[in-house]
Structure formats: C-alpha cells, structure tokens
C-alpha cells in the first residue's frame, strides 16, 4: 500500500543539503582567495629580483 500524508524528513534533508553546499562553497572560495593572494605575492617577489 502507498503511504498517505506528509513525506517524512524531506524538509530537513533539503535544508541540510543546502547548508552543506554553502559550507563547501565557502571553503572552496576561501581556498581560491588564498591561492590568488599567494600568487600575487610570488609575482611581486619575482618582480623585485
């Protein structure tokens, strides 16, 4: 028999997935920013030599 009524736990799963995606994107963007800063520092050091 098919279930009747509201589906169980789908709202919480959706919210959790959204939050985890935000967290992953935040970590990824911070890593990219750090990489860009290091690259700029290296370029500056090469220019001075």
N, C-alpha and C. Protein backbone atom coordinates (compact mmCIF):
# COMPACT_ATOMS: atom_id res chain seq x y z
N UNK A 1 0.82 -1.19 0.00
CA UNK A 1 0.00 0.00 0.00
C UNK A 1 0.87 1.25 0.00
N UNK A 2 0.38 2.26 -0.67
CA UNK A 2 1.10 3.53 -0.73
C UNK A 2 0.93 4.29 0.57
N UNK A 3 1.94 5.07 0.92
CA UNK A 3 1.86 5.87 2.14
C UNK A 3 0.95 7.06 1.90
N UNK A 4 0.27 7.48 2.93
CA UNK A 4 -0.59 8.64 2.85
C UNK A 4 -0.06 9.72 3.77
N UNK A 5 -0.33 10.96 3.44
CA UNK A 5 0.08 12.06 4.29
C UNK A 5 1.42 12.65 3.87
N UNK A 6 1.99 13.38 4.80
CA UNK A 6 3.23 14.09 4.53
C UNK A 6 4.41 13.14 4.46
N UNK A 7 5.34 13.43 3.55
CA UNK A 7 6.55 12.62 3.48
C UNK A 7 7.42 12.94 4.68
N UNK A 8 8.08 11.95 5.17
CA UNK A 8 8.88 12.09 6.38
C UNK A 8 10.28 12.60 6.04
N UNK A 9 10.72 13.61 6.77
CA UNK A 9 12.11 14.04 6.79
C UNK A 9 12.63 14.72 5.52
N UNK A 10 11.79 15.02 4.55
CA UNK A 10 12.31 15.62 3.31
C UNK A 10 12.72 17.07 3.51
N UNK A 11 12.01 17.80 4.36
CA UNK A 11 12.36 19.21 4.59
C UNK A 11 13.71 19.31 5.28
N UNK A 12 13.95 18.47 6.26
CA UNK A 12 15.22 18.50 6.97
C UNK A 12 16.37 18.11 6.06
N UNK A 13 16.15 17.12 5.21
CA UNK A 13 17.20 16.69 4.28
C UNK A 13 17.53 17.81 3.30
N UNK A 14 16.51 18.50 2.82
CA UNK A 14 16.72 19.60 1.86
C UNK A 14 17.50 20.73 2.53
N UNK A 15 17.13 21.06 3.75
CA UNK A 15 17.81 22.13 4.48
C UNK A 15 19.26 21.75 4.74
N UNK A 16 19.47 20.52 5.14
CA UNK A 16 20.82 20.04 5.43
C UNK A 16 21.68 20.07 4.16
N UNK A 17 21.12 19.62 3.06
CA UNK A 17 21.86 19.63 1.79
C UNK A 17 22.26 21.05 1.40
N UNK A 18 21.33 21.99 1.60
CA UNK A 18 21.60 23.39 1.28
C UNK A 18 22.75 23.93 2.14
N UNK A 19 22.70 23.62 3.44
CA UNK A 19 23.73 24.12 4.35
C UNK A 19 25.09 23.50 4.05
N UNK A 20 25.12 22.22 3.74
CA UNK A 20 26.37 21.56 3.41
C UNK A 20 26.95 22.13 2.12
N UNK A 21 26.09 22.42 1.14
CA UNK A 21 26.54 23.02 -0.11
C UNK A 21 27.14 24.40 0.15
N UNK A 22 26.51 25.19 1.03
CA UNK A 22 27.03 26.51 1.38
C UNK A 22 28.41 26.38 2.00
N UNK A 23 28.54 25.41 2.90
CA UNK A 23 29.81 25.21 3.59
C UNK A 23 30.91 24.84 2.59
N UNK A 24 30.61 23.92 1.68
CA UNK A 24 31.59 23.51 0.67
C UNK A 24 32.00 24.68 -0.21
N UNK A 25 31.01 25.49 -0.62
CA UNK A 25 31.31 26.65 -1.47
C UNK A 25 32.17 27.66 -0.73
N UNK A 26 31.90 27.85 0.56
CA UNK A 26 32.67 28.79 1.36
C UNK A 26 34.13 28.34 1.45
N UNK A 27 34.34 27.06 1.72
CA UNK A 27 35.70 26.52 1.82
C UNK A 27 36.42 26.65 0.48
N UNK A 28 35.70 26.35 -0.59
CA UNK A 28 36.28 26.42 -1.93
C UNK A 28 36.69 27.85 -2.27
N UNK A 29 35.82 28.81 -1.97
CA UNK A 29 36.13 30.20 -2.29
C UNK A 29 37.29 30.72 -1.45
N UNK A 30 37.35 30.32 -0.18
CA UNK A 30 38.47 30.74 0.66
C UNK A 30 39.78 30.18 0.12
N UNK A 31 39.77 28.93 -0.33
CA UNK A 31 40.97 28.32 -0.88
C UNK A 31 41.42 29.06 -2.14
N UNK A 32 40.46 29.44 -2.99
CA UNK A 32 40.78 30.17 -4.22
C UNK A 32 41.36 31.55 -3.89
N UNK A 33 40.79 32.22 -2.90
CA UNK A 33 41.29 33.54 -2.50
C UNK A 33 42.73 33.43 -1.97
N UNK A 34 42.97 32.41 -1.15
CA UNK A 34 44.30 32.20 -0.59
C UNK A 34 45.32 31.94 -1.70
N UNK A 35 44.90 31.13 -2.66
CA UNK A 35 45.76 30.80 -3.79
C UNK A 35 46.09 32.06 -4.60
N UNK A 36 45.09 32.90 -4.81
CA UNK A 36 45.30 34.14 -5.57
C UNK A 36 46.24 35.09 -4.83
N UNK A 37 46.08 35.18 -3.50
CA UNK A 37 46.97 36.04 -2.71
C UNK A 37 48.41 35.55 -2.79
N UNK A 38 48.60 34.24 -2.65
CA UNK A 38 49.95 33.69 -2.73
C UNK A 38 50.57 33.93 -4.10
N UNK A 39 49.74 33.79 -5.13
CA UNK A 39 50.23 34.01 -6.49
C UNK A 39 50.69 35.46 -6.65
N UNK A 40 49.93 36.40 -6.10
CA UNK A 40 50.29 37.81 -6.18
C UNK A 40 51.59 38.08 -5.44
N UNK A 41 51.76 37.44 -4.28
CA UNK A 41 52.99 37.62 -3.51
C UNK A 41 54.19 37.08 -4.29
N UNK A 42 54.02 35.93 -4.91
CA UNK A 42 55.10 35.32 -5.69
C UNK A 42 55.46 36.22 -6.87
N UNK A 43 54.44 36.74 -7.55
CA UNK A 43 54.69 37.65 -8.68
C UNK A 43 55.47 38.89 -8.23
N UNK A 44 55.09 39.44 -7.08
CA UNK A 44 55.76 40.61 -6.55
C UNK A 44 57.23 40.30 -6.21
N UNK A 45 57.45 39.14 -5.63
CA UNK A 45 58.81 38.74 -5.28
C UNK A 45 59.66 38.54 -6.53
N UNK A 46 59.07 37.96 -7.56
CA UNK A 46 59.81 37.76 -8.82
C UNK A 46 60.14 39.10 -9.47
N UNK A 47 59.23 40.05 -9.37
CA UNK A 47 59.44 41.37 -9.95
C UNK A 47 60.58 42.13 -9.26
N UNK A 48 60.72 41.91 -7.96
CA UNK A 48 61.77 42.59 -7.20
C UNK A 48 63.16 42.05 -7.53
N UNK A 49 63.23 40.80 -7.93
CA UNK A 49 64.54 40.18 -8.19
C UNK A 49 65.13 40.58 -9.51
